[in-house]
Protein backbone atom coordinates (compact mmCIF):
# COMPACT_ATOMS: atom_id res chain seq x y z
CA UNK A 1 0.00 0.00 0.00
CA UNK A 2 1.41 3.36 -0.98
CA UNK A 3 0.67 6.73 0.55
CA UNK A 4 -0.96 7.77 -2.72
CA UNK A 5 -3.41 4.84 -2.58
CA UNK A 6 -4.20 5.63 1.05
CA UNK A 7 -4.71 9.33 0.37
CA UNK A 8 -6.89 8.69 -2.66
CA UNK A 9 -8.99 6.15 -0.77
CA UNK A 10 -9.56 8.50 2.17
CA UNK A 11 -10.33 11.47 -0.10
CA UNK A 12 -12.81 9.49 -2.19
CA UNK A 13 -14.49 8.09 0.91
CA UNK A 14 -14.89 11.57 2.40
CA UNK A 15 -16.24 12.94 -0.89
CA UNK A 16 -18.58 10.08 -1.92
CA UNK A 17 -18.82 7.68 1.04
CA UNK A 18 -19.16 4.74 -1.35
CA UNK A 19 -17.93 1.30 -0.32
CA UNK A 20 -18.50 -0.08 -3.82
CA UNK A 21 -16.48 2.70 -5.46
CA UNK A 22 -13.48 2.10 -3.19
CA UNK A 23 -13.56 -1.66 -3.62
CA UNK A 24 -13.84 -1.30 -7.40
CA UNK A 25 -10.88 1.08 -7.51
CA UNK A 26 -8.96 -1.32 -5.26
CA UNK A 27 -9.52 -4.13 -7.75
CA UNK A 28 -8.13 -1.86 -10.47
CA UNK A 29 -5.11 -1.03 -8.28
CA UNK A 30 -5.85 2.65 -7.69
CA UNK A 31 -6.63 2.81 -3.98
CA UNK A 32 -6.96 0.77 -0.80
CA UNK A 33 -9.94 -1.31 0.32
CA UNK A 34 -12.92 0.29 2.02
CA UNK A 35 -12.19 -1.70 5.19
CA UNK A 36 -8.64 -0.26 5.29
CA UNK A 37 -9.99 3.28 4.93
CA UNK A 38 -12.32 2.66 7.87
CA UNK A 39 -9.44 1.27 9.97
CA UNK A 40 -7.36 4.35 9.12
CA UNK A 41 -10.17 6.75 10.02
CA UNK A 42 -10.86 4.95 13.31
CA UNK A 43 -7.16 5.09 14.14
CA UNK A 44 -7.07 8.84 13.56
CA UNK A 45 -10.10 9.38 15.80
CA UNK A 46 -8.38 7.59 18.69
CA UNK A 47 -5.00 9.28 18.23
CA UNK A 48 -4.08 12.15 20.50
CA UNK A 49 -4.45 15.56 18.87
CA UNK A 50 -1.29 17.41 17.86
CA UNK A 51 -0.09 20.22 20.10
CA UNK A 52 0.00 23.59 18.36
CA UNK A 53 2.09 26.46 19.63
CA UNK A 54 0.88 29.98 19.08
CA UNK A 55 3.78 31.46 17.12
CA UNK A 56 2.63 35.03 17.79
CA UNK A 57 2.89 34.55 21.57
CA UNK A 58 6.34 32.96 21.25
CA UNK A 59 7.59 35.91 19.18
CA UNK A 60 6.22 38.44 21.66
CA UNK A 61 7.93 36.72 24.57
CA UNK A 62 11.20 36.37 22.67
CA UNK A 63 11.17 40.04 21.60
CA UNK A 64 10.29 41.44 25.00
CA UNK A 65 13.89 41.97 26.05
CA UNK A 66 13.28 40.26 29.38
CA UNK A 67 15.80 37.57 30.19
C-alpha atoms as a PDB file:
ATOM      1  CA  UNK A   1       0.000   0.000   0.000  1.00  0.00           C
ATOM      2  CA  UNK A   2       1.409   3.363  -0.984  1.00  0.00           C
ATOM      3  CA  UNK A   3       0.669   6.734   0.550  1.00  0.00           C
ATOM      4  CA  UNK A   4      -0.956   7.767  -2.723  1.00  0.00           C
ATOM      5  CA  UNK A   5      -3.412   4.845  -2.584  1.00  0.00           C
ATOM      6  CA  UNK A   6      -4.197   5.627   1.045  1.00  0.00           C
ATOM      7  CA  UNK A   7      -4.713   9.333   0.372  1.00  0.00           C
ATOM      8  CA  UNK A   8      -6.886   8.694  -2.656  1.00  0.00           C
ATOM      9  CA  UNK A   9      -8.986   6.154  -0.769  1.00  0.00           C
ATOM     10  CA  UNK A  10      -9.557   8.501   2.166  1.00  0.00           C
ATOM     11  CA  UNK A  11     -10.332  11.470  -0.098  1.00  0.00           C
ATOM     12  CA  UNK A  12     -12.813   9.489  -2.187  1.00  0.00           C
ATOM     13  CA  UNK A  13     -14.488   8.089   0.909  1.00  0.00           C
ATOM     14  CA  UNK A  14     -14.886  11.571   2.398  1.00  0.00           C
ATOM     15  CA  UNK A  15     -16.240  12.936  -0.888  1.00  0.00           C
ATOM     16  CA  UNK A  16     -18.579  10.082  -1.921  1.00  0.00           C
ATOM     17  CA  UNK A  17     -18.820   7.676   1.044  1.00  0.00           C
ATOM     18  CA  UNK A  18     -19.159   4.737  -1.351  1.00  0.00           C
ATOM     19  CA  UNK A  19     -17.934   1.304  -0.322  1.00  0.00           C
ATOM     20  CA  UNK A  20     -18.502  -0.082  -3.819  1.00  0.00           C
ATOM     21  CA  UNK A  21     -16.477   2.697  -5.456  1.00  0.00           C
ATOM     22  CA  UNK A  22     -13.479   2.103  -3.187  1.00  0.00           C
ATOM     23  CA  UNK A  23     -13.565  -1.656  -3.616  1.00  0.00           C
ATOM     24  CA  UNK A  24     -13.835  -1.305  -7.397  1.00  0.00           C
ATOM     25  CA  UNK A  25     -10.877   1.077  -7.514  1.00  0.00           C
ATOM     26  CA  UNK A  26      -8.957  -1.320  -5.262  1.00  0.00           C
ATOM     27  CA  UNK A  27      -9.522  -4.130  -7.750  1.00  0.00           C
ATOM     28  CA  UNK A  28      -8.131  -1.859 -10.469  1.00  0.00           C
ATOM     29  CA  UNK A  29      -5.112  -1.033  -8.284  1.00  0.00           C
ATOM     30  CA  UNK A  30      -5.846   2.651  -7.691  1.00  0.00           C
ATOM     31  CA  UNK A  31      -6.629   2.814  -3.980  1.00  0.00           C
ATOM     32  CA  UNK A  32      -6.957   0.767  -0.799  1.00  0.00           C
ATOM     33  CA  UNK A  33      -9.936  -1.307   0.324  1.00  0.00           C
ATOM     34  CA  UNK A  34     -12.920   0.289   2.018  1.00  0.00           C
ATOM     35  CA  UNK A  35     -12.185  -1.701   5.189  1.00  0.00           C
ATOM     36  CA  UNK A  36      -8.643  -0.265   5.295  1.00  0.00           C
ATOM     37  CA  UNK A  37      -9.985   3.283   4.935  1.00  0.00           C
ATOM     38  CA  UNK A  38     -12.319   2.661   7.872  1.00  0.00           C
ATOM     39  CA  UNK A  39      -9.442   1.268   9.975  1.00  0.00           C
ATOM     40  CA  UNK A  40      -7.363   4.345   9.119  1.00  0.00           C
ATOM     41  CA  UNK A  41     -10.173   6.748  10.021  1.00  0.00           C
ATOM     42  CA  UNK A  42     -10.858   4.952  13.308  1.00  0.00           C
ATOM     43  CA  UNK A  43      -7.157   5.093  14.141  1.00  0.00           C
ATOM     44  CA  UNK A  44      -7.071   8.839  13.559  1.00  0.00           C
ATOM     45  CA  UNK A  45     -10.102   9.375  15.797  1.00  0.00           C
ATOM     46  CA  UNK A  46      -8.376   7.591  18.692  1.00  0.00           C
ATOM     47  CA  UNK A  47      -4.999   9.279  18.226  1.00  0.00           C
ATOM     48  CA  UNK A  48      -4.081  12.149  20.502  1.00  0.00           C
ATOM     49  CA  UNK A  49      -4.454  15.561  18.873  1.00  0.00           C
ATOM     50  CA  UNK A  50      -1.295  17.406  17.863  1.00  0.00           C
ATOM     51  CA  UNK A  51      -0.090  20.222  20.096  1.00  0.00           C
ATOM     52  CA  UNK A  52       0.005  23.593  18.359  1.00  0.00           C
ATOM     53  CA  UNK A  53       2.092  26.461  19.633  1.00  0.00           C
ATOM     54  CA  UNK A  54       0.875  29.982  19.080  1.00  0.00           C
ATOM     55  CA  UNK A  55       3.776  31.456  17.120  1.00  0.00           C
ATOM     56  CA  UNK A  56       2.634  35.028  17.786  1.00  0.00           C
ATOM     57  CA  UNK A  57       2.889  34.545  21.567  1.00  0.00           C
ATOM     58  CA  UNK A  58       6.336  32.963  21.247  1.00  0.00           C
ATOM     59  CA  UNK A  59       7.594  35.912  19.184  1.00  0.00           C
ATOM     60  CA  UNK A  60       6.217  38.444  21.663  1.00  0.00           C
ATOM     61  CA  UNK A  61       7.928  36.715  24.570  1.00  0.00           C
ATOM     62  CA  UNK A  62      11.195  36.375  22.671  1.00  0.00           C
ATOM     63  CA  UNK A  63      11.166  40.035  21.595  1.00  0.00           C
ATOM     64  CA  UNK A  64      10.285  41.443  25.000  1.00  0.00           C
ATOM     65  CA  UNK A  65      13.894  41.969  26.048  1.00  0.00           C
ATOM     66  CA  UNK A  66      13.278  40.259  29.384  1.00  0.00           C
ATOM     67  CA  UNK A  67      15.805  37.570  30.191  1.00  0.00           C
END
